């Protein structure tokens, strides 16, 4: 496992880390025993950073993570808050409210301090107003959190967040289908010593190349109930692409897996090839999925010609189809 600095936080994190939304819920059936085995496999492989949130399975993902890393202070945990309430209500971002969120997460995680506490995709106006960052400064002074950041939906929101000097990390949708953040946001974040966590690296599974237009998902899978943004931001599902369009475009990307084991490993490798990325955080539900994602570390990087081909593909065939702010 290779490690990269998480901005200037002093934390060096495994370049392939993991998100825990899928083991919490909203990705179809889960099995807690298998989830814990998968977490253990990741840790054994050198993964030292996990991303979670208080709303993943109404706290269940945090509880599982707490069990998996109990007594391991060498494992960094990032969690998120605000989506357990009305994200548009300014009262959700007051000191009293955020401290309650924080204390509840700490209890579920079995920890005294959160390594990275992130505002969970708040409305643009909340970032622009900035009061929440003063609240997070206070929690940091009190020792409840080590550092804080923002999970954003769009480049605009990321640039707004960078205006606040103590924002130390941005969590951003970034993959072959969502290349825009690399243009302006990543260089600015890097210049300010802000770490970048790349989420939705496989475009909700599109970049595995395993879906067809006839693929169906379980009723409790957000890829069914939020396919077009019915429940939350449309950009979180299939990278903001209409499903059938994404399937068609993924077929045209099958070549990236040649010589790289699988299309999924290649898609993660492409993200890791960007020097501004601190880590990529794919999801998982099984040991085999953890192992498949870890395989990306050992596949060949993309050549300059391949990178240029993928940029052109994004500009000419993908960009116009992405929905929602990005």
Protein backbone atom coordinates (compact mmCIF):
# COMPACT_ATOMS: atom_id res chain seq x y z
CA UNK A 1 0.00 0.00 0.00
CA UNK A 2 1.21 3.49 -0.84
CA UNK A 3 0.37 6.50 1.31
CA UNK A 4 -0.19 10.14 0.45
CA UNK A 5 -0.46 13.29 2.56
CA UNK A 6 -4.01 14.44 3.28
CA UNK A 7 -3.19 18.01 2.42
CA UNK A 8 -1.26 19.65 5.23
CA UNK A 9 -3.15 17.87 8.04
CA UNK A 10 -0.15 15.77 9.00
CA UNK A 11 -2.10 12.60 8.21
CA UNK A 12 -0.69 10.24 5.60
CA UNK A 13 -3.51 8.12 4.22
CA UNK A 14 -3.63 4.98 2.11
CA UNK A 15 -4.09 6.03 -1.51
CA UNK A 16 -6.84 3.43 -1.79
CA UNK A 17 -9.13 3.91 1.16
CA UNK A 18 -12.78 2.99 1.52
CA UNK A 19 -16.21 4.57 1.92
CA UNK A 20 -18.82 2.81 4.04
CA UNK A 21 -22.12 3.96 2.56
CA UNK A 22 -22.76 0.55 1.00
CA UNK A 23 -22.30 -1.43 4.22
CA UNK A 24 -24.59 0.99 6.04
CA UNK A 25 -27.44 0.66 3.59
CA UNK A 26 -29.12 2.05 0.44
CA UNK A 27 -27.10 -0.22 -1.86
CA UNK A 28 -29.24 -3.34 -1.60
CA UNK A 29 -28.83 -6.25 0.81
CA UNK A 30 -25.96 -6.25 3.28
CA UNK A 31 -24.53 -8.79 5.70
CA UNK A 32 -22.84 -7.41 8.82
CA UNK A 33 -20.53 -10.39 9.24
CA UNK A 34 -19.32 -10.05 5.66
CA UNK A 35 -18.99 -6.28 6.10
CA UNK A 36 -16.75 -6.76 9.15
CA UNK A 37 -14.67 -9.36 7.29
CA UNK A 38 -14.28 -6.93 4.41
CA UNK A 39 -13.19 -4.14 6.75
CA UNK A 40 -10.66 -6.49 8.34
CA UNK A 41 -9.32 -7.44 4.90
CA UNK A 42 -8.83 -3.79 4.00
CA UNK A 43 -7.02 -3.06 7.26
CA UNK A 44 -4.79 -6.12 6.79
CA UNK A 45 -3.86 -4.75 3.36
CA UNK A 46 -2.69 -1.47 4.89
CA UNK A 47 -5.78 0.68 4.47
CA UNK A 48 -5.65 3.27 7.25
CA UNK A 49 -8.47 5.65 6.29
CA UNK A 50 -12.22 5.11 6.14
CA UNK A 51 -14.99 7.54 5.27
CA UNK A 52 -18.46 7.23 6.77
CA UNK A 53 -21.46 9.40 7.74
CA UNK A 54 -24.11 9.54 10.42
CA UNK A 55 -26.85 8.86 7.87
CA UNK A 56 -25.34 5.71 6.37
CA UNK A 57 -27.85 3.20 7.68
CA UNK A 58 -28.91 5.74 10.34
CA UNK A 59 -25.55 5.33 12.05
CA UNK A 60 -25.11 1.62 11.35
CA UNK A 61 -22.03 2.15 9.18
CA UNK A 62 -20.38 4.12 11.98
CA UNK A 63 -21.16 1.33 14.44
CA UNK A 64 -19.65 -1.32 12.14
CA UNK A 65 -16.58 0.80 11.60
CA UNK A 66 -16.26 1.34 15.35
CA UNK A 67 -16.20 -2.43 15.88
CA UNK A 68 -13.68 -2.99 13.10
CA UNK A 69 -11.14 -0.41 14.31
CA UNK A 70 -11.64 -0.75 18.05
CA UNK A 71 -8.36 -0.05 19.82
CA UNK A 72 -6.61 0.94 16.56
CA UNK A 73 -5.56 4.57 16.86
CA UNK A 74 -3.44 4.13 13.72
CA UNK A 75 -6.62 4.05 11.62
CA UNK A 76 -8.04 7.43 10.59
CA UNK A 77 -11.80 7.91 10.46
CA UNK A 78 -13.65 10.61 8.56
CA UNK A 79 -17.36 11.05 9.13
CA UNK A 80 -19.98 13.56 8.06
CA UNK A 81 -22.98 15.43 9.43
CA UNK A 82 -26.04 17.56 8.64
CA UNK A 83 -28.13 15.22 6.47
CA UNK A 84 -29.88 13.66 9.45
CA UNK A 85 -31.85 16.92 9.60
CA UNK A 86 -33.16 19.60 7.23
CA UNK A 87 -30.02 20.67 5.41
CA UNK A 88 -31.61 23.99 4.42
CA UNK A 89 -32.33 25.05 8.02
CA UNK A 90 -29.57 27.33 9.38
CA UNK A 91 -30.32 26.00 12.88
CA UNK A 92 -28.82 22.64 11.82
CA UNK A 93 -25.40 24.30 11.62
CA UNK A 94 -25.35 25.99 15.05
CA UNK A 95 -22.85 24.97 17.71
CA UNK A 96 -25.48 23.19 19.79
CA UNK A 97 -26.74 21.18 16.81
CA UNK A 98 -23.35 20.25 15.35
CA UNK A 99 -21.99 19.26 18.74
CA UNK A 100 -24.92 16.84 19.19
CA UNK A 101 -24.22 15.31 15.78
CA UNK A 102 -20.54 15.02 16.66
CA UNK A 103 -21.10 13.45 20.06
CA UNK A 104 -23.52 10.90 18.60
CA UNK A 105 -20.99 9.91 15.94
CA UNK A 106 -18.21 9.63 18.51
CA UNK A 107 -20.37 7.31 20.60
CA UNK A 108 -21.16 5.06 17.64
CA UNK A 109 -17.53 5.03 16.56
CA UNK A 110 -16.26 4.40 20.07
CA UNK A 111 -13.79 7.25 19.80
CA UNK A 112 -12.84 10.41 21.68
CA UNK A 113 -11.99 12.41 18.57
CA UNK A 114 -12.95 12.40 14.90
CA UNK A 115 -9.94 12.69 12.60
CA UNK A 116 -11.81 14.48 9.79
CA UNK A 117 -15.30 15.88 10.32
CA UNK A 118 -17.07 16.90 7.12
CA UNK A 119 -20.15 18.92 6.34
CA UNK A 120 -22.19 16.47 4.26
CA UNK A 121 -23.08 18.08 0.93
CA UNK A 122 -24.74 21.19 2.39
CA UNK A 123 -26.58 23.71 0.19
CA UNK A 124 -24.34 26.18 -1.59
CA UNK A 125 -25.71 29.04 0.52
CA UNK A 126 -24.61 27.35 3.76
CA UNK A 127 -21.04 27.17 2.47
CA UNK A 128 -21.17 30.75 1.24
CA UNK A 129 -22.42 32.07 4.60
CA UNK A 130 -19.69 30.20 6.43
CA UNK A 131 -21.02 30.20 10.01
CA UNK A 132 -20.63 26.42 10.22
CA UNK A 133 -16.87 26.73 9.89
CA UNK A 134 -16.70 28.89 13.01
CA UNK A 135 -18.63 26.14 14.80
CA UNK A 136 -16.17 23.53 13.56
CA UNK A 137 -13.26 25.71 14.70
CA UNK A 138 -14.77 25.60 18.17
CA UNK A 139 -15.15 21.81 18.13
CA UNK A 140 -11.54 21.51 17.04
CA UNK A 141 -10.41 23.75 19.89
CA UNK A 142 -12.37 21.53 22.27
CA UNK A 143 -10.56 18.45 20.96
CA UNK A 144 -13.63 16.67 19.59
CA UNK A 145 -12.31 16.81 16.03
CA UNK A 146 -8.80 16.91 14.63
CA UNK A 147 -9.54 18.59 11.28
CA UNK A 148 -12.59 19.39 9.17
CA UNK A 149 -13.65 19.56 5.56
CA UNK A 150 -16.62 19.63 3.21
CA UNK A 151 -18.18 17.04 0.95
CA UNK A 152 -19.32 19.07 -2.06
CA UNK A 153 -21.55 18.46 -5.05
CA UNK A 154 -20.03 20.99 -7.45
CA UNK A 155 -16.82 22.76 -8.37
CA UNK A 156 -18.46 26.05 -7.38
CA UNK A 157 -19.07 24.75 -3.85
CA UNK A 158 -15.51 23.47 -3.62
CA UNK A 159 -14.11 26.85 -4.60
CA UNK A 160 -16.34 28.57 -2.04
CA UNK A 161 -15.15 26.18 0.69
CA UNK A 162 -11.53 26.99 -0.13
CA UNK A 163 -12.17 30.57 0.99
CA UNK A 164 -12.21 29.35 4.60
CA UNK A 165 -8.62 28.80 5.80
CA UNK A 166 -9.27 25.92 8.18
CA UNK A 167 -11.07 23.73 5.63
CA UNK A 168 -8.45 21.00 5.23
CA UNK A 169 -10.14 18.54 2.89
CA UNK A 170 -12.69 18.42 0.09
CA UNK A 171 -14.62 15.31 -0.82
CA UNK A 172 -15.49 15.47 -4.50
CA UNK A 173 -17.16 13.30 -7.13
CA UNK A 174 -14.31 12.49 -9.50
CA UNK A 175 -14.04 9.76 -12.10
CA UNK A 176 -13.60 9.26 -15.85
CA UNK A 177 -17.17 10.55 -16.33
CA UNK A 178 -16.69 13.56 -14.00
CA UNK A 179 -13.39 15.20 -14.89
CA UNK A 180 -14.26 18.87 -14.34
CA UNK A 181 -12.77 19.19 -10.80
CA UNK A 182 -9.27 18.56 -12.19
CA UNK A 183 -9.41 21.74 -14.28
CA UNK A 184 -9.46 24.45 -11.59
CA UNK A 185 -10.50 23.08 -8.22
CA UNK A 186 -7.73 20.53 -7.66
CA UNK A 187 -4.81 22.86 -8.46
CA UNK A 188 -6.23 25.54 -6.14
CA UNK A 189 -6.82 23.04 -3.35
CA UNK A 190 -3.29 21.70 -3.74
CA UNK A 191 -1.81 25.20 -3.59
CA UNK A 192 -3.62 25.76 -0.28
CA UNK A 193 -2.59 22.42 1.19
CA UNK A 194 -6.14 21.04 1.08
CA UNK A 195 -6.55 17.28 0.65
CA UNK A 196 -8.84 15.73 -1.97
CA UNK A 197 -10.97 12.64 -1.35
CA UNK A 198 -12.33 11.19 -4.60
CA UNK A 199 -15.78 9.69 -4.13
CA UNK A 200 -18.08 7.80 -6.55
CA UNK A 201 -14.96 6.56 -8.37
CA UNK A 202 -16.84 3.89 -10.29
CA UNK A 203 -19.86 6.06 -11.13
CA UNK A 204 -22.15 3.91 -8.95
CA UNK A 205 -20.92 0.81 -10.75
CA UNK A 206 -21.12 2.02 -14.35
CA UNK A 207 -17.33 1.93 -14.63
CA UNK A 208 -17.20 -1.75 -13.78
CA UNK A 209 -18.64 -2.41 -17.23
CA UNK A 210 -21.01 -5.00 -15.75
CA UNK A 211 -24.34 -3.23 -16.34
CA UNK A 212 -26.68 -3.44 -19.31
CA UNK A 213 -29.74 -1.33 -20.09
CA UNK A 214 -31.81 -4.12 -18.55
CA UNK A 215 -29.97 -4.17 -15.21
CA UNK A 216 -32.34 -3.71 -12.26
CA UNK A 217 -31.61 -2.80 -8.64
CA UNK A 218 -33.29 -3.73 -5.37
CA UNK A 219 -35.99 -1.36 -4.02
CA UNK A 220 -33.75 -0.17 -1.15
CA UNK A 221 -30.83 0.57 -3.50
CA UNK A 222 -30.40 4.30 -4.20
CA UNK A 223 -29.50 3.40 -7.78
CA UNK A 224 -33.20 2.60 -8.09
CA UNK A 225 -34.91 5.14 -5.83
CA UNK A 226 -32.55 8.02 -6.64
CA UNK A 227 -31.79 7.21 -10.26
CA UNK A 228 -32.91 10.67 -11.38
CA UNK A 229 -32.34 12.61 -8.17
CA UNK A 230 -35.72 11.84 -6.60
CA UNK A 231 -34.30 11.49 -3.07
CA UNK A 232 -31.12 13.62 -3.13
CA UNK A 233 -28.70 15.20 -5.57
CA UNK A 234 -28.87 13.65 -9.02
CA UNK A 235 -25.10 13.83 -9.38
CA UNK A 236 -24.56 11.20 -6.68
CA UNK A 237 -26.08 8.42 -8.78
CA UNK A 238 -24.28 7.21 -11.91
CA UNK A 239 -22.12 10.38 -11.76
CA UNK A 240 -25.15 12.41 -12.86
CA UNK A 241 -25.61 10.53 -16.13
CA UNK A 242 -28.94 9.07 -17.22
CA UNK A 243 -28.52 5.33 -16.60
CA UNK A 244 -28.96 4.13 -20.18
CA UNK A 245 -26.56 6.82 -21.44
CA UNK A 246 -24.02 5.79 -18.83
CA UNK A 247 -24.26 2.15 -19.85
CA UNK A 248 -23.69 3.06 -23.49
CA UNK A 249 -20.73 5.29 -22.66
CA UNK A 250 -19.20 2.67 -20.38
CA UNK A 251 -19.11 0.22 -23.29
CA UNK A 252 -16.98 2.70 -25.19
CA UNK A 253 -14.53 2.70 -22.27
CA UNK A 254 -14.02 -1.06 -22.16
CA UNK A 255 -10.53 -0.56 -23.62
CA UNK A 256 -9.19 0.96 -20.38
CA UNK A 257 -9.29 -2.47 -18.73
CA UNK A 258 -6.99 -4.05 -21.31
CA UNK A 259 -3.78 -5.00 -19.54
CA UNK A 260 -5.12 -3.68 -16.25
CA UNK A 261 -7.05 -6.68 -14.98
CA UNK A 262 -10.50 -5.10 -15.00
CA UNK A 263 -12.31 -1.97 -16.04
CA UNK A 264 -12.95 -1.13 -12.38
CA UNK A 265 -9.28 -1.37 -11.43
CA UNK A 266 -8.40 0.78 -14.42
CA UNK A 267 -11.00 3.41 -13.47
CA UNK A 268 -9.52 3.68 -9.97
CA UNK A 269 -5.99 3.73 -11.39
CA UNK A 270 -6.95 6.70 -13.58
CA UNK A 271 -7.98 8.63 -10.47
CA UNK A 272 -4.76 7.74 -8.66
CA UNK A 273 -2.77 9.00 -11.62
CA UNK A 274 -3.86 12.53 -10.70
CA UNK A 275 -1.16 13.90 -8.35
CA UNK A 276 -3.64 16.12 -6.48
CA UNK A 277 -5.66 13.17 -5.17
CA UNK A 278 -5.03 12.26 -1.52
CA UNK A 279 -7.04 9.05 -1.74
CA UNK A 280 -9.86 7.38 -3.60
CA UNK A 281 -12.72 5.97 -1.51
CA UNK A 282 -14.65 3.26 -3.37
CA UNK A 283 -17.47 1.48 -1.59
CA UNK A 284 -17.73 -2.23 -0.87
CA UNK A 285 -20.00 -4.87 0.62
CA UNK A 286 -17.84 -7.99 0.39
CA UNK A 287 -14.26 -9.16 0.84
CA UNK A 288 -14.00 -9.82 -2.89
CA UNK A 289 -15.02 -6.23 -3.68
CA UNK A 290 -12.35 -4.92 -1.31
CA UNK A 291 -9.75 -7.08 -3.04
CA UNK A 292 -10.91 -6.00 -6.50
CA UNK A 293 -10.57 -2.33 -5.56
CA UNK A 294 -7.16 -2.85 -3.94
CA UNK A 295 -5.93 -4.40 -7.19
CA UNK A 296 -5.93 -0.94 -8.77
CA UNK A 297 -2.73 -0.09 -6.91
CA UNK A 298 -0.76 -2.61 -8.97
CA UNK A 299 -2.01 -1.95 -12.48
CA UNK A 300 -0.08 0.16 -15.01
CA UNK A 301 -0.69 3.92 -15.00
CA UNK A 302 -2.23 5.59 -18.02
CA UNK A 303 0.08 6.91 -20.71
CA UNK A 304 -0.07 10.54 -21.84
CA UNK A 305 -1.79 9.42 -25.05
CA UNK A 306 -4.40 7.47 -23.07
CA UNK A 307 -4.98 10.43 -20.77
CA UNK A 308 -5.53 12.68 -23.79
CA UNK A 309 -7.95 10.16 -25.29
CA UNK A 310 -9.98 10.09 -22.07
CA UNK A 311 -10.06 13.89 -21.81
CA UNK A 312 -11.37 14.11 -25.36
CA UNK A 313 -13.93 11.40 -24.64
CA UNK A 314 -15.18 13.36 -21.63
CA UNK A 315 -15.36 16.67 -23.48
CA UNK A 316 -17.00 15.40 -26.66
CA UNK A 317 -19.21 12.54 -25.47
CA UNK A 318 -19.86 12.79 -21.74
CA UNK A 319 -19.92 16.35 -20.44
CA UNK A 320 -23.14 17.45 -22.12
CA UNK A 321 -25.11 14.58 -20.54
CA UNK A 322 -24.24 15.27 -16.87
CA UNK A 323 -27.19 16.56 -14.88
CA UNK A 324 -27.30 18.72 -11.79
CA UNK A 325 -24.63 21.12 -10.50
CA UNK A 326 -21.14 19.77 -11.05
